[in-house]
Amino acid sequence: MHPNSDPWRRQAPPAQPGTDAAAPPPPGRLATPYFSYALLGAAVIWFGVDLLLLGNAHPFAIYGPAVAAGQWWRIPGAVIEHGNLIHLFFNMSVVWTMGRAYEGAIGTGRFALVSIAGLLGSSLLQLGLAFHQPAVGASGMILGWVGAMLPIATKAHRSELVTWLIQIAVISLLPFVSWQGHLGGFLAGLPCGLLLRMGPTWFKRYAPMVIAALIGLNVLAVTRGARQPRPERTRQPTPERTRQPTPEQTRQPTPEQTRQPTPEQTRQPTPEQTRQDR
């Protein structure tokens, strides 16, 4: 994508009949993507700190029991937490390409609100559907950007976004990928995109309400998840539990052990012996 291109701005309506067609306005100067730069720098720095000083402990991972214990900072902090170098590289490459362009087109303030909505939607489904499964990464927030792009993108750019979403959907089926986080971020971005399409006044008035609703739903998801019992893990049998019986344990009984009782042992009791007390 060319740095001066703006695929998210709608074209001006055609001139009405009988009027002079005005020349198209010159392209506006894109806003400096401060939010994207800050996110990229924080993710790279934190990855180094976590890897070199904390032993890859992932203290910002979204993990339901930890959030329920009061560690609410994990919800926003998870966007700078990444599992490995490849995970970090792919997410930050999207921030560098898509994030910077999108922020430059809509402005840092609105981009920040869309990002907050995306990360809250991502954490909502993660906590609601996978409470005991930790998750890290900025993918959910990035999917929030895509959800907000669709309503305001041009037809050609919307087709590219749909193709990209199909690829992400396939990747989300992998066992080590949080499809809950991806889907939640995308769904949270859609209402933000609709508000952007309706105009700055609508977005300024109602985008904070969307974020407030997502915060409340996150609280409900954590409260509900904390009341559920932790799922039992199916423990594999150890060699001690699966060892074969010894020859001593499988030895057949001897004739002495299986001999039949004598007539004296099987004799029936007499009427005098079976008398009931009255």
Protein backbone atom coordinates (compact mmCIF):
# COMPACT_ATOMS: atom_id res chain seq x y z
CA MET A 1 0.00 0.00 0.00
CA HIS A 2 1.30 3.43 -0.94
CA PRO A 3 1.89 5.59 2.16
CA ASN A 4 -0.20 8.42 0.70
CA SER A 5 -3.12 6.20 -0.29
CA ASP A 6 -6.32 6.45 1.74
CA PRO A 7 -8.59 3.48 0.97
CA TRP A 8 -10.89 4.22 3.94
CA ARG A 9 -12.10 7.68 2.90
CA ARG A 10 -15.27 7.63 0.88
CA GLN A 11 -15.20 9.43 -2.41
CA ALA A 12 -16.95 12.76 -2.76
CA PRO A 13 -20.47 12.55 -4.27
CA PRO A 14 -20.76 13.44 -7.96
CA ALA A 15 -21.75 16.96 -8.88
CA GLN A 16 -25.47 17.57 -9.29
CA PRO A 17 -26.79 18.20 -12.80
CA GLY A 18 -26.63 21.83 -13.78
CA THR A 19 -23.72 22.65 -11.49
CA ASP A 20 -20.05 22.98 -12.18
CA ALA A 21 -18.04 19.93 -11.18
CA ALA A 22 -15.52 21.05 -8.64
CA ALA A 23 -12.00 19.76 -8.86
CA PRO A 24 -11.26 16.99 -6.30
CA PRO A 25 -9.57 18.31 -3.18
CA PRO A 26 -5.91 17.52 -2.75
CA PRO A 27 -5.18 14.52 -0.53
CA GLY A 28 -4.90 15.49 3.12
CA ARG A 29 -1.80 14.94 5.16
CA LEU A 30 -1.96 11.68 7.07
CA ALA A 31 -1.76 11.85 10.84
CA THR A 32 1.42 10.63 12.49
CA PRO A 33 0.70 7.10 13.80
CA TYR A 34 1.87 7.63 17.37
CA PHE A 35 -0.26 4.79 18.75
CA SER A 36 1.15 2.26 16.28
CA TYR A 37 4.71 3.33 17.00
CA ALA A 38 4.14 3.09 20.75
CA LEU A 39 2.55 -0.36 20.43
CA LEU A 40 5.36 -1.65 18.25
CA GLY A 41 8.10 -0.32 20.53
CA ALA A 42 6.43 -1.58 23.72
CA ALA A 43 5.91 -5.08 22.28
CA VAL A 44 9.52 -5.41 21.11
CA ILE A 45 11.00 -4.07 24.36
CA TRP A 46 8.76 -6.19 26.55
CA PHE A 47 9.56 -9.33 24.56
CA GLY A 48 13.25 -8.80 25.29
CA VAL A 49 12.61 -8.10 28.98
CA ASP A 50 10.40 -11.16 29.39
CA LEU A 51 12.80 -13.42 27.52
CA LEU A 52 16.08 -12.27 29.09
CA LEU A 53 15.05 -11.27 32.62
CA LEU A 54 11.87 -13.22 33.42
CA GLY A 55 12.55 -16.48 31.61
CA ASN A 56 9.59 -16.17 29.23
CA ALA A 57 7.12 -16.12 32.13
CA HIS A 58 4.38 -14.20 30.24
CA PRO A 59 3.06 -12.24 33.24
CA PHE A 60 0.66 -10.27 30.99
CA ALA A 61 -1.06 -13.29 29.44
CA ILE A 62 -4.85 -13.29 29.66
CA TYR A 63 -5.60 -16.06 32.14
CA GLY A 64 -9.04 -16.19 33.71
CA PRO A 65 -8.15 -17.28 37.27
CA ALA A 66 -5.40 -14.64 37.48
CA VAL A 67 -7.75 -11.90 36.24
CA ALA A 68 -10.39 -13.03 38.73
CA ALA A 69 -7.77 -12.76 41.48
CA GLY A 70 -7.42 -9.04 40.72
CA GLN A 71 -4.81 -8.94 37.92
CA TRP A 72 -6.98 -6.89 35.57
CA TRP A 73 -3.93 -5.36 33.90
CA ARG A 74 -3.55 -8.61 31.97
CA ILE A 75 -6.41 -7.59 29.65
CA PRO A 76 -4.65 -4.56 28.11
CA GLY A 77 -1.18 -5.96 28.76
CA ALA A 78 -1.73 -9.08 26.64
CA VAL A 79 -1.39 -7.05 23.42
CA ILE A 80 2.36 -6.58 24.03
CA GLU A 81 2.88 -10.16 25.24
CA HIS A 82 3.91 -12.70 22.59
CA GLY A 83 4.70 -16.37 22.72
CA ASN A 84 7.85 -16.41 20.59
CA LEU A 85 9.85 -14.40 18.08
CA ILE A 86 7.80 -15.57 15.08
CA HIS A 87 4.56 -14.60 16.81
CA LEU A 88 5.98 -11.17 17.57
CA PHE A 89 7.31 -10.67 14.05
CA PHE A 90 4.04 -11.43 12.26
CA ASN A 91 1.90 -9.31 14.56
CA MET A 92 4.23 -6.34 14.50
CA SER A 93 4.56 -6.54 10.71
CA VAL A 94 0.78 -6.04 10.53
CA VAL A 95 1.04 -3.12 12.96
CA TRP A 96 3.76 -1.58 10.77
CA THR A 97 1.80 -1.93 7.53
CA MET A 98 -1.92 -1.93 8.29
CA GLY A 99 -1.91 -0.19 11.65
CA ARG A 100 0.14 2.82 10.60
CA ALA A 101 -1.92 3.38 7.45
CA TYR A 102 -5.25 3.03 9.23
CA GLU A 103 -4.23 5.31 12.08
CA GLY A 104 -2.97 7.90 9.62
CA ALA A 105 -6.33 7.84 7.83
CA ILE A 106 -8.71 8.15 10.81
CA GLY A 107 -6.48 9.88 13.37
CA THR A 108 -4.76 8.68 16.52
CA GLY A 109 -7.69 9.42 18.86
CA ARG A 110 -10.25 7.37 16.95
CA PHE A 111 -7.68 4.68 16.19
CA ALA A 112 -6.95 4.34 19.92
CA LEU A 113 -10.66 3.89 20.70
CA VAL A 114 -11.00 1.24 17.99
CA SER A 115 -7.93 -0.52 19.39
CA ILE A 116 -9.34 -0.50 22.93
CA ALA A 117 -12.64 -1.90 21.68
CA GLY A 118 -10.80 -4.64 19.78
CA LEU A 119 -8.69 -5.77 22.73
CA LEU A 120 -11.74 -5.73 25.04
CA GLY A 121 -13.77 -7.79 22.57
CA SER A 122 -10.88 -10.22 22.23
CA SER A 123 -10.54 -10.66 25.99
CA LEU A 124 -14.32 -10.99 26.36
CA LEU A 125 -14.60 -14.14 24.25
CA GLN A 126 -11.33 -15.51 25.60
CA LEU A 127 -12.52 -15.17 29.20
CA GLY A 128 -16.05 -16.25 28.36
CA LEU A 129 -15.24 -19.34 26.31
CA ALA A 130 -11.72 -20.34 27.42
CA PHE A 131 -11.46 -19.05 30.98
CA HIS A 132 -8.75 -21.50 32.07
CA GLN A 133 -6.68 -21.23 28.88
CA PRO A 134 -3.98 -18.49 28.77
CA ALA A 135 -3.64 -16.38 25.63
CA VAL A 136 -1.16 -13.75 24.45
CA GLY A 137 -0.69 -11.46 21.47
CA ALA A 138 -2.08 -8.44 19.64
CA SER A 139 -4.00 -10.47 17.05
CA GLY A 140 -7.38 -9.83 18.65
CA MET A 141 -6.84 -6.08 18.59
CA ILE A 142 -5.63 -6.27 14.99
CA LEU A 143 -8.82 -8.11 14.04
CA GLY A 144 -10.68 -5.26 15.70
CA TRP A 145 -9.03 -2.89 13.22
CA VAL A 146 -10.20 -5.09 10.35
CA GLY A 147 -13.74 -5.18 11.71
CA ALA A 148 -13.76 -1.39 11.87
CA MET A 149 -12.32 -1.08 8.35
CA LEU A 150 -15.01 -3.08 6.55
CA PRO A 151 -17.88 -0.55 6.80
CA ILE A 152 -15.76 2.38 5.58
CA ALA A 153 -13.46 0.68 3.07
CA THR A 154 -13.79 1.08 -0.65
CA LYS A 155 -15.18 -1.84 -2.63
CA ALA A 156 -11.77 -2.95 -3.87
CA HIS A 157 -10.16 -2.69 -0.45
CA ARG A 158 -13.09 -4.50 1.17
CA SER A 159 -12.50 -7.44 -1.16
CA GLU A 160 -8.85 -7.58 -0.05
CA LEU A 161 -9.91 -7.51 3.60
CA VAL A 162 -12.35 -10.39 3.09
CA THR A 163 -9.59 -12.48 1.49
CA TRP A 164 -7.29 -11.70 4.41
CA LEU A 165 -10.04 -12.63 6.89
CA ILE A 166 -10.50 -16.01 5.24
CA GLN A 167 -6.81 -16.71 5.69
CA ILE A 168 -7.00 -15.69 9.36
CA ALA A 169 -10.05 -17.92 9.85
CA VAL A 170 -8.08 -20.91 8.56
CA ILE A 171 -5.12 -20.08 10.83
CA SER A 172 -7.51 -19.77 13.78
CA LEU A 173 -8.39 -23.45 13.44
CA LEU A 174 -4.89 -24.48 14.51
CA PRO A 175 -4.83 -25.96 18.03
CA PHE A 176 -2.36 -23.41 19.43
CA VAL A 177 -4.25 -20.35 18.12
CA SER A 178 -6.99 -18.59 20.10
CA TRP A 179 -9.94 -18.40 17.73
CA GLN A 180 -11.92 -16.88 20.60
CA GLY A 181 -9.61 -13.88 20.75
CA HIS A 182 -9.64 -13.40 16.98
CA LEU A 183 -13.42 -13.59 16.68
CA GLY A 184 -14.04 -11.37 19.70
CA GLY A 185 -11.76 -8.63 18.41
CA PHE A 186 -13.33 -8.67 14.96
CA LEU A 187 -16.90 -8.51 16.29
CA ALA A 188 -16.03 -5.62 18.60
CA GLY A 189 -14.53 -3.67 15.72
CA LEU A 190 -17.66 -3.84 13.55
CA PRO A 191 -19.79 -1.36 15.56
CA CYS A 192 -16.84 1.03 15.65
CA GLY A 193 -16.64 0.90 11.87
CA LEU A 194 -20.37 1.60 11.57
CA LEU A 195 -19.99 4.63 13.83
CA LEU A 196 -17.09 5.87 11.73
CA ARG A 197 -19.24 5.54 8.64
CA MET A 198 -22.05 7.54 10.24
CA GLY A 199 -19.72 10.44 10.96
CA PRO A 200 -17.41 12.00 13.56
CA THR A 201 -20.27 13.13 15.81
CA TRP A 202 -21.72 9.63 16.05
CA PHE A 203 -18.34 8.09 16.73
CA LYS A 204 -17.42 10.66 19.38
CA ARG A 205 -20.73 10.16 21.17
CA TYR A 206 -21.24 6.40 20.99
CA ALA A 207 -17.78 4.80 20.73
CA PRO A 208 -17.14 5.37 24.47
CA MET A 209 -20.48 3.65 25.14
CA VAL A 210 -19.35 0.63 23.14
CA ILE A 211 -16.16 0.48 25.19
CA ALA A 212 -18.08 0.85 28.46
CA ALA A 213 -20.38 -2.01 27.47
CA LEU A 214 -17.40 -4.21 26.63
CA ILE A 215 -15.81 -3.46 30.01
CA GLY A 216 -19.02 -4.48 31.77
CA LEU A 217 -19.25 -7.69 29.76
CA ASN A 218 -15.65 -8.53 30.63
CA VAL A 219 -16.46 -8.15 34.32
CA LEU A 220 -19.44 -10.47 33.92
CA ALA A 221 -17.33 -13.02 32.03
CA VAL A 222 -14.69 -13.05 34.78
CA THR A 223 -17.34 -13.34 37.51
CA ARG A 224 -19.03 -16.21 35.71
CA GLY A 225 -15.76 -17.99 34.96
CA ALA A 226 -14.56 -17.72 38.57
CA ARG A 227 -17.65 -19.67 39.71
CA GLN A 228 -17.01 -22.56 37.38
CA PRO A 229 -14.90 -25.49 38.57
CA ARG A 230 -11.55 -25.97 36.93
CA PRO A 231 -11.79 -28.72 34.30
CA GLU A 232 -10.16 -31.96 35.34
CA ARG A 233 -7.17 -33.04 33.31
CA THR A 234 -7.13 -36.63 32.13
CA ARG A 235 -4.02 -37.95 33.82
CA GLN A 236 -2.04 -40.52 31.87
CA PRO A 237 -1.28 -43.74 33.73
CA THR A 238 2.29 -44.02 34.93
CA PRO A 239 4.42 -47.13 34.33
CA GLU A 240 3.83 -48.01 37.99
CA ARG A 241 0.07 -48.09 37.39
CA THR A 242 0.29 -50.08 34.17
CA ARG A 243 2.91 -52.66 35.12
CA GLN A 244 2.15 -56.28 34.35
CA PRO A 245 1.46 -58.76 37.16
CA THR A 246 4.41 -60.84 38.32
CA PRO A 247 4.56 -64.63 37.86
CA GLU A 248 3.94 -64.92 41.60
CA GLN A 249 0.63 -63.00 41.21
CA THR A 250 -0.54 -65.10 38.22
CA ARG A 251 0.43 -68.52 39.66
CA GLN A 252 -2.30 -71.16 39.43
CA PRO A 253 -3.60 -72.61 42.72
CA THR A 254 -2.25 -76.02 43.77
CA PRO A 255 -4.49 -79.08 44.27
CA GLU A 256 -4.04 -78.58 48.01
CA GLN A 257 -5.55 -75.06 47.75
CA THR A 258 -8.51 -76.22 45.63
CA ARG A 259 -9.45 -79.45 47.42
CA GLN A 260 -13.15 -80.16 48.02
CA PRO A 261 -14.71 -79.98 51.50
CA THR A 262 -15.19 -83.26 53.40
CA PRO A 263 -18.63 -84.69 54.26
CA GLU A 264 -18.02 -83.63 57.84
CA GLN A 265 -17.63 -79.95 56.71
CA THR A 266 -20.78 -79.98 54.56
CA ARG A 267 -23.04 -81.71 57.08
CA GLN A 268 -26.41 -79.97 57.53
CA PRO A 269 -27.27 -78.64 61.01
CA THR A 270 -29.75 -80.56 63.15
CA PRO A 271 -33.17 -79.17 64.12
CA GLU A 272 -31.79 -78.56 67.63
CA GLN A 273 -29.05 -76.32 66.22
CA THR A 274 -31.36 -74.22 64.03
CA ARG A 275 -34.00 -73.45 66.66
CA GLN A 276 -35.18 -69.82 66.84
CA ASP A 277 -35.45 -68.03 70.16
CA ARG A 278 -38.92 -66.98 71.13
